């Protein structure tokens, strides 16, 4: 394959990121070479090093892009709705769908964390995933300040439950299909709606219960 011209600085970087995400997702991190990424992107290896000093930096850039996509989902939910309750419903649904739409990348992240442990997990947090988490915590805190949610719960704990419930669904969906009484394995939106409603019934003031159910 001949090298494709890079007409724009940003275009070259995006091409490299797209190629790297595909290869990192298809294979383990250690099994992907910079030569393979260059071939997939249709550029020279030297061009990759123009943007990224090494494969690890490129990998972390792929993860930062994924984190920015999740942050955009939350920002879009905030922009689209006037209440925190609706923001939570919207974001939970979109977050789970984002996991399901990019299963190879999600599995790669978890494989890296399991195999390389705390140092890799810290890198992931620092490269942007902690930002998404903090933004969700801030949404929950704003709900407390505005009186939409109870003031006596830990927002970080609730954010963990919301995101964790989606990760569990992503990881366990194939098993859940075979559990008795589980009718939501093939209904991600319904699953998330149920999870959020369960959380809300424990978070909202009693005076707001009828409004939220409606």
C-alpha atoms as a PDB file:
ATOM      1  CA  UNK A   1       0.000   0.000   0.000  1.00  0.00           C
ATOM      2  CA  UNK A   2       1.404   3.377  -0.957  1.00  0.00           C
ATOM      3  CA  UNK A   3       1.567   6.198   1.527  1.00  0.00           C
ATOM      4  CA  UNK A   4      -1.457   8.467   1.377  1.00  0.00           C
ATOM      5  CA  UNK A   5      -0.860  12.245   1.393  1.00  0.00           C
ATOM      6  CA  UNK A   6      -1.523  14.061   4.630  1.00  0.00           C
ATOM      7  CA  UNK A   7      -3.274  17.234   3.557  1.00  0.00           C
ATOM      8  CA  UNK A   8      -4.016  18.456   7.064  1.00  0.00           C
ATOM      9  CA  UNK A   9      -2.137  18.083  10.330  1.00  0.00           C
ATOM     10  CA  UNK A  10      -5.275  16.998  12.167  1.00  0.00           C
ATOM     11  CA  UNK A  11      -6.246  14.579   9.408  1.00  0.00           C
ATOM     12  CA  UNK A  12      -3.002  12.646   9.776  1.00  0.00           C
ATOM     13  CA  UNK A  13      -3.378  12.370  13.524  1.00  0.00           C
ATOM     14  CA  UNK A  14      -6.974  11.167  13.251  1.00  0.00           C
ATOM     15  CA  UNK A  15      -6.005   8.580  10.647  1.00  0.00           C
ATOM     16  CA  UNK A  16      -3.331   7.213  12.954  1.00  0.00           C
ATOM     17  CA  UNK A  17      -5.696   7.122  15.934  1.00  0.00           C
ATOM     18  CA  UNK A  18      -8.357   5.271  13.925  1.00  0.00           C
ATOM     19  CA  UNK A  19      -5.841   2.692  12.711  1.00  0.00           C
ATOM     20  CA  UNK A  20      -4.373   2.224  16.177  1.00  0.00           C
ATOM     21  CA  UNK A  21      -7.782   1.781  17.802  1.00  0.00           C
ATOM     22  CA  UNK A  22      -8.727  -0.915  15.310  1.00  0.00           C
ATOM     23  CA  UNK A  23      -5.487  -2.854  15.731  1.00  0.00           C
ATOM     24  CA  UNK A  24      -5.319  -2.457  19.512  1.00  0.00           C
ATOM     25  CA  UNK A  25      -8.924  -3.649  19.676  1.00  0.00           C
ATOM     26  CA  UNK A  26      -8.352  -6.631  17.390  1.00  0.00           C
ATOM     27  CA  UNK A  27      -5.190  -7.742  19.175  1.00  0.00           C
ATOM     28  CA  UNK A  28      -3.469  -7.291  22.509  1.00  0.00           C
ATOM     29  CA  UNK A  29      -1.429  -4.125  22.985  1.00  0.00           C
ATOM     30  CA  UNK A  30       1.875  -6.016  22.937  1.00  0.00           C
ATOM     31  CA  UNK A  31       0.954  -7.794  19.682  1.00  0.00           C
ATOM     32  CA  UNK A  32       0.571  -4.563  17.692  1.00  0.00           C
ATOM     33  CA  UNK A  33       3.643  -3.005  16.071  1.00  0.00           C
ATOM     34  CA  UNK A  34       4.117   0.549  14.913  1.00  0.00           C
ATOM     35  CA  UNK A  35       4.775  -0.858  11.434  1.00  0.00           C
ATOM     36  CA  UNK A  36       1.335  -2.505  11.458  1.00  0.00           C
ATOM     37  CA  UNK A  37      -0.304   0.754  12.547  1.00  0.00           C
ATOM     38  CA  UNK A  38       1.485   2.651   9.780  1.00  0.00           C
ATOM     39  CA  UNK A  39       0.330   0.083   7.209  1.00  0.00           C
ATOM     40  CA  UNK A  40      -3.261   0.243   8.465  1.00  0.00           C
ATOM     41  CA  UNK A  41      -3.213   4.064   8.368  1.00  0.00           C
ATOM     42  CA  UNK A  42      -1.588   4.206   4.925  1.00  0.00           C
ATOM     43  CA  UNK A  43       1.303   6.366   6.087  1.00  0.00           C
ATOM     44  CA  UNK A  44       4.962   5.932   6.963  1.00  0.00           C
ATOM     45  CA  UNK A  45       6.109   4.948  10.430  1.00  0.00           C
ATOM     46  CA  UNK A  46       8.060   8.205  10.569  1.00  0.00           C
ATOM     47  CA  UNK A  47       4.784  10.097  10.311  1.00  0.00           C
ATOM     48  CA  UNK A  48       3.463   8.288  13.375  1.00  0.00           C
ATOM     49  CA  UNK A  49       6.503   9.384  15.383  1.00  0.00           C
ATOM     50  CA  UNK A  50       5.836  12.942  14.254  1.00  0.00           C
ATOM     51  CA  UNK A  51       2.661  12.821  16.363  1.00  0.00           C
ATOM     52  CA  UNK A  52       3.447  10.211  19.017  1.00  0.00           C
ATOM     53  CA  UNK A  53       6.869   9.482  20.557  1.00  0.00           C
ATOM     54  CA  UNK A  54       6.145   5.784  21.139  1.00  0.00           C
ATOM     55  CA  UNK A  55       3.453   3.114  21.023  1.00  0.00           C
ATOM     56  CA  UNK A  56       2.450   3.643  24.646  1.00  0.00           C
ATOM     57  CA  UNK A  57       1.780   7.343  24.018  1.00  0.00           C
ATOM     58  CA  UNK A  58      -0.307   6.411  20.982  1.00  0.00           C
ATOM     59  CA  UNK A  59      -2.279   3.886  23.010  1.00  0.00           C
ATOM     60  CA  UNK A  60      -3.018   6.423  25.721  1.00  0.00           C
ATOM     61  CA  UNK A  61      -4.117   8.898  23.042  1.00  0.00           C
ATOM     62  CA  UNK A  62      -6.624   6.328  21.779  1.00  0.00           C
ATOM     63  CA  UNK A  63      -7.975   6.032  25.311  1.00  0.00           C
ATOM     64  CA  UNK A  64      -8.147   9.813  25.736  1.00  0.00           C
ATOM     65  CA  UNK A  65     -10.235  10.002  22.575  1.00  0.00           C
ATOM     66  CA  UNK A  66     -12.596   7.350  23.971  1.00  0.00           C
ATOM     67  CA  UNK A  67     -12.822   9.300  27.220  1.00  0.00           C
ATOM     68  CA  UNK A  68     -13.636  12.511  25.351  1.00  0.00           C
ATOM     69  CA  UNK A  69     -16.440  10.687  23.548  1.00  0.00           C
ATOM     70  CA  UNK A  70     -17.930   9.642  26.888  1.00  0.00           C
ATOM     71  CA  UNK A  71     -17.588  13.174  28.253  1.00  0.00           C
ATOM     72  CA  UNK A  72     -19.400  14.468  25.164  1.00  0.00           C
ATOM     73  CA  UNK A  73     -22.264  12.054  25.876  1.00  0.00           C
ATOM     74  CA  UNK A  74     -22.605  13.549  29.350  1.00  0.00           C
ATOM     75  CA  UNK A  75     -22.340  17.113  28.054  1.00  0.00           C
ATOM     76  CA  UNK A  76     -25.009  16.374  25.447  1.00  0.00           C
ATOM     77  CA  UNK A  77     -27.288  14.961  28.143  1.00  0.00           C
ATOM     78  CA  UNK A  78     -26.831  18.096  30.263  1.00  0.00           C
ATOM     79  CA  UNK A  79     -27.521  20.348  27.267  1.00  0.00           C
ATOM     80  CA  UNK A  80     -30.635  18.405  26.260  1.00  0.00           C
ATOM     81  CA  UNK A  81     -32.424  18.311  29.605  1.00  0.00           C
ATOM     82  CA  UNK A  82     -33.428  20.759  32.284  1.00  0.00           C
ATOM     83  CA  UNK A  83     -33.468  18.378  35.220  1.00  0.00           C
ATOM     84  CA  UNK A  84     -30.737  16.238  36.720  1.00  0.00           C
ATOM     85  CA  UNK A  85     -33.112  13.277  36.763  1.00  0.00           C
ATOM     86  CA  UNK A  86     -33.486  13.396  32.976  1.00  0.00           C
ATOM     87  CA  UNK A  87     -29.747  13.930  32.529  1.00  0.00           C
ATOM     88  CA  UNK A  88     -29.058  10.754  34.500  1.00  0.00           C
ATOM     89  CA  UNK A  89     -31.587   8.758  32.501  1.00  0.00           C
ATOM     90  CA  UNK A  90     -30.186  10.022  29.197  1.00  0.00           C
ATOM     91  CA  UNK A  91     -26.520   9.539  30.055  1.00  0.00           C
ATOM     92  CA  UNK A  92     -26.952   6.067  31.545  1.00  0.00           C
ATOM     93  CA  UNK A  93     -28.638   4.852  28.381  1.00  0.00           C
ATOM     94  CA  UNK A  94     -26.068   6.431  26.048  1.00  0.00           C
ATOM     95  CA  UNK A  95     -23.117   5.278  28.147  1.00  0.00           C
ATOM     96  CA  UNK A  96     -24.181   1.632  27.964  1.00  0.00           C
ATOM     97  CA  UNK A  97     -24.827   1.871  24.236  1.00  0.00           C
ATOM     98  CA  UNK A  98     -21.343   3.348  23.768  1.00  0.00           C
ATOM     99  CA  UNK A  99     -19.854   0.303  25.519  1.00  0.00           C
ATOM    100  CA  UNK A 100     -21.890  -2.068  23.376  1.00  0.00           C
ATOM    101  CA  UNK A 101     -20.950  -0.228  20.169  1.00  0.00           C
ATOM    102  CA  UNK A 102     -17.205  -0.594  20.803  1.00  0.00           C
ATOM    103  CA  UNK A 103     -16.826  -3.945  22.583  1.00  0.00           C
ATOM    104  CA  UNK A 104     -13.278  -4.690  21.421  1.00  0.00           C
ATOM    105  CA  UNK A 105     -11.939  -1.410  22.769  1.00  0.00           C
ATOM    106  CA  UNK A 106     -13.688  -1.883  26.110  1.00  0.00           C
ATOM    107  CA  UNK A 107     -12.305  -5.415  26.449  1.00  0.00           C
ATOM    108  CA  UNK A 108      -8.838  -4.139  25.593  1.00  0.00           C
ATOM    109  CA  UNK A 109      -9.008  -1.575  28.396  1.00  0.00           C
ATOM    110  CA  UNK A 110     -10.024  -4.181  30.959  1.00  0.00           C
ATOM    111  CA  UNK A 111      -7.442  -6.674  29.726  1.00  0.00           C
ATOM    112  CA  UNK A 112      -4.711  -4.084  30.101  1.00  0.00           C
ATOM    113  CA  UNK A 113      -5.838  -3.225  33.633  1.00  0.00           C
ATOM    114  CA  UNK A 114      -6.041  -6.880  34.678  1.00  0.00           C
ATOM    115  CA  UNK A 115      -2.679  -7.795  33.176  1.00  0.00           C
ATOM    116  CA  UNK A 116      -0.678  -4.700  34.120  1.00  0.00           C
ATOM    117  CA  UNK A 117      -2.448  -3.753  37.323  1.00  0.00           C
ATOM    118  CA  UNK A 118      -2.345  -0.518  39.267  1.00  0.00           C
ATOM    119  CA  UNK A 119       0.163   1.427  37.126  1.00  0.00           C
ATOM    120  CA  UNK A 120      -1.932   1.001  34.005  1.00  0.00           C
ATOM    121  CA  UNK A 121      -5.148   1.757  35.878  1.00  0.00           C
ATOM    122  CA  UNK A 122      -3.597   4.991  37.157  1.00  0.00           C
ATOM    123  CA  UNK A 123      -2.604   5.943  33.610  1.00  0.00           C
ATOM    124  CA  UNK A 124      -6.139   5.362  32.383  1.00  0.00           C
ATOM    125  CA  UNK A 125      -7.560   7.529  35.151  1.00  0.00           C
ATOM    126  CA  UNK A 126      -5.080  10.319  34.520  1.00  0.00           C
ATOM    127  CA  UNK A 127      -5.608  10.233  30.757  1.00  0.00           C
ATOM    128  CA  UNK A 128      -9.253  11.197  30.987  1.00  0.00           C
ATOM    129  CA  UNK A 129     -11.544   8.563  32.443  1.00  0.00           C
ATOM    130  CA  UNK A 130     -11.384  10.225  35.846  1.00  0.00           C
ATOM    131  CA  UNK A 131     -12.601  13.412  34.167  1.00  0.00           C
ATOM    132  CA  UNK A 132     -15.803  11.699  32.990  1.00  0.00           C
ATOM    133  CA  UNK A 133     -16.346  10.286  36.462  1.00  0.00           C
ATOM    134  CA  UNK A 134     -15.780  13.673  38.106  1.00  0.00           C
ATOM    135  CA  UNK A 135     -18.205  15.319  35.691  1.00  0.00           C
ATOM    136  CA  UNK A 136     -20.894  12.769  36.561  1.00  0.00           C
ATOM    137  CA  UNK A 137     -20.251  13.374  40.262  1.00  0.00           C
ATOM    138  CA  UNK A 138     -20.667  17.106  39.624  1.00  0.00           C
ATOM    139  CA  UNK A 139     -24.053  16.471  37.973  1.00  0.00           C
ATOM    140  CA  UNK A 140     -25.204  14.513  41.015  1.00  0.00           C
ATOM    141  CA  UNK A 141     -23.931  17.239  43.343  1.00  0.00           C
ATOM    142  CA  UNK A 142     -25.861  19.847  41.364  1.00  0.00           C
ATOM    143  CA  UNK A 143     -28.987  17.746  41.837  1.00  0.00           C
ATOM    144  CA  UNK A 144     -28.401  17.840  45.593  1.00  0.00           C
ATOM    145  CA  UNK A 145     -27.878  21.602  45.599  1.00  0.00           C
ATOM    146  CA  UNK A 146     -31.021  22.170  43.548  1.00  0.00           C
ATOM    147  CA  UNK A 147     -33.088  19.921  45.811  1.00  0.00           C
ATOM    148  CA  UNK A 148     -33.829  17.376  43.055  1.00  0.00           C
ATOM    149  CA  UNK A 149     -31.877  14.698  44.905  1.00  0.00           C
ATOM    150  CA  UNK A 150     -31.424  13.933  48.562  1.00  0.00           C
ATOM    151  CA  UNK A 151     -28.540  15.707  50.244  1.00  0.00           C
ATOM    152  CA  UNK A 152     -27.428  12.774  52.399  1.00  0.00           C
ATOM    153  CA  UNK A 153     -25.798  10.440  49.861  1.00  0.00           C
ATOM    154  CA  UNK A 154     -22.258  10.218  48.491  1.00  0.00           C
ATOM    155  CA  UNK A 155     -22.313  11.340  44.823  1.00  0.00           C
ATOM    156  CA  UNK A 156     -19.105   9.422  44.029  1.00  0.00           C
ATOM    157  CA  UNK A 157     -20.695   6.219  45.312  1.00  0.00           C
ATOM    158  CA  UNK A 158     -23.790   6.732  43.158  1.00  0.00           C
ATOM    159  CA  UNK A 159     -21.645   7.506  40.088  1.00  0.00           C
ATOM    160  CA  UNK A 160     -19.748   4.284  40.742  1.00  0.00           C
ATOM    161  CA  UNK A 161     -23.006   2.321  40.944  1.00  0.00           C
ATOM    162  CA  UNK A 162     -24.316   3.800  37.693  1.00  0.00           C
ATOM    163  CA  UNK A 163     -21.173   3.205  35.670  1.00  0.00           C
ATOM    164  CA  UNK A 164     -20.497  -0.122  37.352  1.00  0.00           C
ATOM    165  CA  UNK A 165     -23.973  -1.406  36.524  1.00  0.00           C
ATOM    166  CA  UNK A 166     -23.342  -0.695  32.847  1.00  0.00           C
ATOM    167  CA  UNK A 167     -19.922  -2.343  32.872  1.00  0.00           C
ATOM    168  CA  UNK A 168     -21.432  -5.407  34.562  1.00  0.00           C
ATOM    169  CA  UNK A 169     -24.128  -5.605  31.890  1.00  0.00           C
ATOM    170  CA  UNK A 170     -21.508  -5.306  29.149  1.00  0.00           C
ATOM    171  CA  UNK A 171     -19.358  -8.054  30.663  1.00  0.00           C
ATOM    172  CA  UNK A 172     -22.174 -10.415  31.685  1.00  0.00           C
ATOM    173  CA  UNK A 173     -24.779 -10.001  28.962  1.00  0.00           C
ATOM    174  CA  UNK A 174     -24.183 -13.404  27.358  1.00  0.00           C
ATOM    175  CA  UNK A 175     -24.501 -15.146  30.731  1.00  0.00           C
ATOM    176  CA  UNK A 176     -27.533 -13.130  31.798  1.00  0.00           C
ATOM    177  CA  UNK A 177     -29.439 -14.378  28.753  1.00  0.00           C
ATOM    178  CA  UNK A 178     -29.466 -17.835  30.327  1.00  0.00           C
ATOM    179  CA  UNK A 179     -30.540 -16.785  33.828  1.00  0.00           C
ATOM    180  CA  UNK A 180     -34.143 -17.466  34.819  1.00  0.00           C
ATOM    181  CA  UNK A 181     -36.387 -14.404  35.092  1.00  0.00           C
ATOM    182  CA  UNK A 182     -33.900 -12.173  33.219  1.00  0.00           C
ATOM    183  CA  UNK A 183     -35.787 -10.497  30.420  1.00  0.00           C
ATOM    184  CA  UNK A 184     -33.523  -7.492  29.928  1.00  0.00           C
ATOM    185  CA  UNK A 185     -30.365  -9.067  28.476  1.00  0.00           C
ATOM    186  CA  UNK A 186     -31.415  -7.987  24.976  1.00  0.00           C
ATOM    187  CA  UNK A 187     -32.950  -4.702  26.111  1.00  0.00           C
ATOM    188  CA  UNK A 188     -30.065  -2.400  27.150  1.00  0.00           C
ATOM    189  CA  UNK A 189     -32.275   0.691  27.242  1.00  0.00           C
ATOM    190  CA  UNK A 190     -34.822  -1.061  29.441  1.00  0.00           C
ATOM    191  CA  UNK A 191     -32.053  -2.326  31.705  1.00  0.00           C
ATOM    192  CA  UNK A 192     -30.654   1.162  32.195  1.00  0.00           C
ATOM    193  CA  UNK A 193     -34.100   2.654  32.738  1.00  0.00           C
ATOM    194  CA  UNK A 194     -34.687   0.139  35.510  1.00  0.00           C
ATOM    195  CA  UNK A 195     -31.304   0.722  37.123  1.00  0.00           C
ATOM    196  CA  UNK A 196     -31.718   4.493  37.141  1.00  0.00           C
ATOM    197  CA  UNK A 197     -35.247   4.271  38.539  1.00  0.00           C
ATOM    198  CA  UNK A 198     -34.052   2.028  41.356  1.00  0.00           C
ATOM    199  CA  UNK A 199     -31.330   4.535  42.194  1.00  0.00           C
ATOM    200  CA  UNK A 200     -33.686   7.496  41.975  1.00  0.00           C
ATOM    201  CA  UNK A 201     -36.219   6.024  44.332  1.00  0.00           C
ATOM    202  CA  UNK A 202     -33.487   5.937  46.934  1.00  0.00           C
ATOM    203  CA  UNK A 203     -32.137   9.401  46.152  1.00  0.00           C
ATOM    204  CA  UNK A 204     -35.001  11.788  45.525  1.00  0.00           C
ATOM    205  CA  UNK A 205     -36.887  13.574  48.294  1.00  0.00           C
ATOM    206  CA  UNK A 206     -40.281  12.041  49.036  1.00  0.00           C
ATOM    207  CA  UNK A 207     -41.991  15.269  47.971  1.00  0.00           C
ATOM    208  CA  UNK A 208     -40.588  14.805  44.443  1.00  0.00           C
ATOM    209  CA  UNK A 209     -41.410  11.128  44.060  1.00  0.00           C
ATOM    210  CA  UNK A 210     -44.665  11.561  42.156  1.00  0.00           C
ATOM    211  CA  UNK A 211     -43.106  14.066  39.736  1.00  0.00           C
ATOM    212  CA  UNK A 212     -40.155  11.789  38.939  1.00  0.00           C
ATOM    213  CA  UNK A 213     -42.376   8.733  38.379  1.00  0.00           C
ATOM    214  CA  UNK A 214     -44.451  10.728  35.963  1.00  0.00           C
END
